C-alpha atoms as a PDB file:
ATOM      1  CA  UNK A   1    -129.841  13.412 -37.939  1.00  0.00           C
ATOM      2  CA  UNK A   2    -126.567  15.637 -37.327  1.00  0.00           C
ATOM      3  CA  UNK A   3    -124.482  13.954 -40.024  1.00  0.00           C
ATOM      4  CA  UNK A   4    -127.748  14.873 -42.334  1.00  0.00           C
ATOM      5  CA  UNK A   5    -127.261  18.645 -41.743  1.00  0.00           C
ATOM      6  CA  UNK A   6    -124.029  18.488 -42.206  1.00  0.00           C
ATOM      7  CA  UNK A   7    -123.875  16.796 -45.456  1.00  0.00           C
ATOM      8  CA  UNK A   8    -126.372  19.592 -46.566  1.00  0.00           C
ATOM      9  CA  UNK A   9    -124.541  22.422 -45.375  1.00  0.00           C
ATOM     10  CA  UNK A  10    -121.597  20.815 -47.089  1.00  0.00           C
ATOM     11  CA  UNK A  11    -122.844  20.525 -50.039  1.00  0.00           C
ATOM     12  CA  UNK A  12    -124.613  24.097 -50.614  1.00  0.00           C
ATOM     13  CA  UNK A  13    -121.173  25.564 -49.701  1.00  0.00           C
ATOM     14  CA  UNK A  14    -120.463  23.990 -52.683  1.00  0.00           C
ATOM     15  CA  UNK A  15    -123.275  25.496 -54.714  1.00  0.00           C
ATOM     16  CA  UNK A  16    -122.722  29.126 -53.379  1.00  0.00           C
ATOM     17  CA  UNK A  17    -118.549  28.851 -54.137  1.00  0.00           C
ATOM     18  CA  UNK A  18    -119.525  27.204 -57.605  1.00  0.00           C
ATOM     19  CA  UNK A  19    -122.264  30.281 -57.721  1.00  0.00           C
ATOM     20  CA  UNK A  20    -119.911  32.197 -57.054  1.00  0.00           C
ATOM     21  CA  UNK A  21    -116.684  31.509 -59.101  1.00  0.00           C
ATOM     22  CA  UNK A  22    -118.648  31.168 -62.011  1.00  0.00           C
ATOM     23  CA  UNK A  23    -120.439  34.107 -61.614  1.00  0.00           C
ATOM     24  CA  UNK A  24    -118.326  36.613 -60.540  1.00  0.00           C
ATOM     25  CA  UNK A  25    -115.817  38.835 -62.555  1.00  0.00           C
ATOM     26  CA  UNK A  26    -113.671  40.711 -59.693  1.00  0.00           C
ATOM     27  CA  UNK A  27    -110.574  37.948 -58.974  1.00  0.00           C
ATOM     28  CA  UNK A  28    -111.228  38.700 -54.420  1.00  0.00           C
ATOM     29  CA  UNK A  29    -114.659  37.343 -55.600  1.00  0.00           C
ATOM     30  CA  UNK A  30    -113.690  34.365 -57.975  1.00  0.00           C
ATOM     31  CA  UNK A  31    -111.038  33.600 -54.970  1.00  0.00           C
ATOM     32  CA  UNK A  32    -113.771  33.593 -51.651  1.00  0.00           C
ATOM     33  CA  UNK A  33    -115.745  31.301 -54.398  1.00  0.00           C
ATOM     34  CA  UNK A  34    -112.857  28.336 -54.447  1.00  0.00           C
ATOM     35  CA  UNK A  35    -112.937  29.062 -50.962  1.00  0.00           C
ATOM     36  CA  UNK A  36    -116.283  28.411 -50.176  1.00  0.00           C
ATOM     37  CA  UNK A  37    -116.210  25.099 -52.516  1.00  0.00           C
ATOM     38  CA  UNK A  38    -112.854  24.032 -50.917  1.00  0.00           C
ATOM     39  CA  UNK A  39    -114.376  24.041 -47.128  1.00  0.00           C
ATOM     40  CA  UNK A  40    -117.611  22.689 -48.654  1.00  0.00           C
ATOM     41  CA  UNK A  41    -115.686  20.041 -49.762  1.00  0.00           C
ATOM     42  CA  UNK A  42    -114.144  19.168 -46.221  1.00  0.00           C
ATOM     43  CA  UNK A  43    -117.649  20.082 -44.310  1.00  0.00           C
ATOM     44  CA  UNK A  44    -118.543  16.961 -47.319  1.00  0.00           C
ATOM     45  CA  UNK A  45    -116.121  14.454 -47.053  1.00  0.00           C
ATOM     46  CA  UNK A  46    -116.446  15.007 -42.466  1.00  0.00           C
ATOM     47  CA  UNK A  47    -120.237  14.546 -43.440  1.00  0.00           C
ATOM     48  CA  UNK A  48    -119.133  10.922 -44.813  1.00  0.00           C
ATOM     49  CA  UNK A  49    -116.792  10.004 -42.425  1.00  0.00           C
ATOM     50  CA  UNK A  50    -119.352  10.548 -39.459  1.00  0.00           C
ATOM     51  CA  UNK A  51    -120.436   7.106 -37.338  1.00  0.00           C
ATOM     52  CA  UNK A  52    -124.054   8.063 -34.922  1.00  0.00           C
ATOM     53  CA  UNK A  53    -122.684   7.381 -31.327  1.00  0.00           C
ATOM     54  CA  UNK A  54    -119.039   6.360 -32.540  1.00  0.00           C
ATOM     55  CA  UNK A  55    -116.014   6.481 -30.350  1.00  0.00           C
ATOM     56  CA  UNK A  56    -112.154   6.387 -31.562  1.00  0.00           C
ATOM     57  CA  UNK A  57    -110.484   4.200 -33.577  1.00  0.00           C
ATOM     58  CA  UNK A  58    -108.964   2.241 -30.590  1.00  0.00           C
ATOM     59  CA  UNK A  59    -109.283  -1.128 -29.948  1.00  0.00           C
ATOM     60  CA  UNK A  60    -108.685  -2.371 -26.017  1.00  0.00           C
ATOM     61  CA  UNK A  61    -111.261  -4.332 -23.538  1.00  0.00           C
ATOM     62  CA  UNK A  62    -113.938  -2.018 -23.590  1.00  0.00           C
ATOM     63  CA  UNK A  63    -114.463  -2.076 -27.041  1.00  0.00           C
ATOM     64  CA  UNK A  64    -115.548  -5.826 -28.453  1.00  0.00           C
ATOM     65  CA  UNK A  65    -113.770  -6.835 -31.574  1.00  0.00           C
ATOM     66  CA  UNK A  66    -117.682  -7.723 -32.831  1.00  0.00           C
ATOM     67  CA  UNK A  67    -118.324  -4.511 -32.468  1.00  0.00           C
ATOM     68  CA  UNK A  68    -115.868  -2.133 -33.982  1.00  0.00           C
ATOM     69  CA  UNK A  69    -116.359  -2.590 -37.145  1.00  0.00           C
ATOM     70  CA  UNK A  70    -120.001  -0.279 -36.907  1.00  0.00           C
ATOM     71  CA  UNK A  71    -118.658   1.765 -34.200  1.00  0.00           C
ATOM     72  CA  UNK A  72    -115.301   3.032 -34.173  1.00  0.00           C
ATOM     73  CA  UNK A  73    -114.963   6.423 -36.455  1.00  0.00           C
ATOM     74  CA  UNK A  74    -112.684   5.724 -39.589  1.00  0.00           C
ATOM     75  CA  UNK A  75    -109.618   8.472 -38.929  1.00  0.00           C
ATOM     76  CA  UNK A  76    -108.252   8.550 -42.789  1.00  0.00           C
ATOM     77  CA  UNK A  77    -111.397  11.212 -44.107  1.00  0.00           C
ATOM     78  CA  UNK A  78    -110.256  13.365 -40.811  1.00  0.00           C
ATOM     79  CA  UNK A  79    -106.732  13.015 -41.726  1.00  0.00           C
ATOM     80  CA  UNK A  80    -107.487  13.785 -45.836  1.00  0.00           C
ATOM     81  CA  UNK A  81    -109.276  17.262 -44.762  1.00  0.00           C
ATOM     82  CA  UNK A  82    -105.978  18.236 -42.226  1.00  0.00           C
ATOM     83  CA  UNK A  83    -104.526  18.017 -45.152  1.00  0.00           C
ATOM     84  CA  UNK A  84    -106.633  19.419 -47.729  1.00  0.00           C
ATOM     85  CA  UNK A  85    -107.016  22.310 -45.709  1.00  0.00           C
ATOM     86  CA  UNK A  86    -103.352  23.138 -44.750  1.00  0.00           C
ATOM     87  CA  UNK A  87    -102.746  23.311 -49.222  1.00  0.00           C
ATOM     88  CA  UNK A  88    -106.148  25.420 -49.456  1.00  0.00           C
ATOM     89  CA  UNK A  89    -104.674  28.065 -47.208  1.00  0.00           C
ATOM     90  CA  UNK A  90    -101.145  27.816 -49.564  1.00  0.00           C
ATOM     91  CA  UNK A  91    -103.229  27.935 -52.507  1.00  0.00           C
ATOM     92  CA  UNK A  92    -104.922  30.698 -51.314  1.00  0.00           C
ATOM     93  CA  UNK A  93    -101.882  32.457 -50.738  1.00  0.00           C
ATOM     94  CA  UNK A  94    -100.905  31.952 -53.764  1.00  0.00           C
ATOM     95  CA  UNK A  95    -103.979  32.891 -55.708  1.00  0.00           C
ATOM     96  CA  UNK A  96    -104.079  36.489 -53.486  1.00  0.00           C
ATOM     97  CA  UNK A  97    -100.611  37.083 -53.797  1.00  0.00           C
ATOM     98  CA  UNK A  98    -100.610  36.598 -57.347  1.00  0.00           C
ATOM     99  CA  UNK A  99    -104.232  38.810 -57.677  1.00  0.00           C
ATOM    100  CA  UNK A 100    -101.589  41.999 -55.459  1.00  0.00           C
ATOM    101  CA  UNK A 101     -99.150  41.448 -58.313  1.00  0.00           C
ATOM    102  CA  UNK A 102    -102.058  42.028 -61.060  1.00  0.00           C
ATOM    103  CA  UNK A 103    -103.247  45.113 -59.143  1.00  0.00           C
ATOM    104  CA  UNK A 104     -99.995  46.607 -59.097  1.00  0.00           C
ATOM    105  CA  UNK A 105     -99.172  46.476 -63.099  1.00  0.00           C
ATOM    106  CA  UNK A 106    -103.115  46.707 -63.963  1.00  0.00           C
ATOM    107  CA  UNK A 107    -104.254  48.660 -61.354  1.00  0.00           C
ATOM    108  CA  UNK A 108    -107.716  46.750 -61.796  1.00  0.00           C
ATOM    109  CA  UNK A 109    -109.338  42.930 -60.454  1.00  0.00           C
ATOM    110  CA  UNK A 110    -111.260  42.566 -63.006  1.00  0.00           C
ATOM    111  CA  UNK A 111    -111.258  39.813 -65.325  1.00  0.00           C
ATOM    112  CA  UNK A 112    -112.470  41.617 -68.011  1.00  0.00           C
ATOM    113  CA  UNK A 113    -109.779  44.009 -68.559  1.00  0.00           C
ATOM    114  CA  UNK A 114    -107.201  40.856 -68.133  1.00  0.00           C
ATOM    115  CA  UNK A 115    -108.097  39.673 -71.445  1.00  0.00           C
ATOM    116  CA  UNK A 116    -105.491  41.500 -72.918  1.00  0.00           C
ATOM    117  CA  UNK A 117    -103.122  39.559 -70.621  1.00  0.00           C
ATOM    118  CA  UNK A 118    -103.224  35.870 -72.761  1.00  0.00           C
ATOM    119  CA  UNK A 119    -100.921  34.360 -74.684  1.00  0.00           C
END
């Protein structure tokens, strides 16, 4: 039950982030859309790796080997999400630093006003 709620929440955040990136013309709103998209992706990956009544991936006498396949939670999705969060924060910081430099030089955050900066 909880996995479906979390999965739905993640997919909803992905859709809201995608809508924000595609419809807004303000650079800060686009950056927020990218952040929502990334957060939704992280939630979906964690929801996919969730096991109902699962246990930590430690094999000992309390968990027989025959039940390990169905009860042990896979740690790889969680590790990937932690790595993706760190990378996402770095990318967001670079986008915000670039936005500050653009605002200092052009005095606007509108994408339409920056179209003459294309190559």
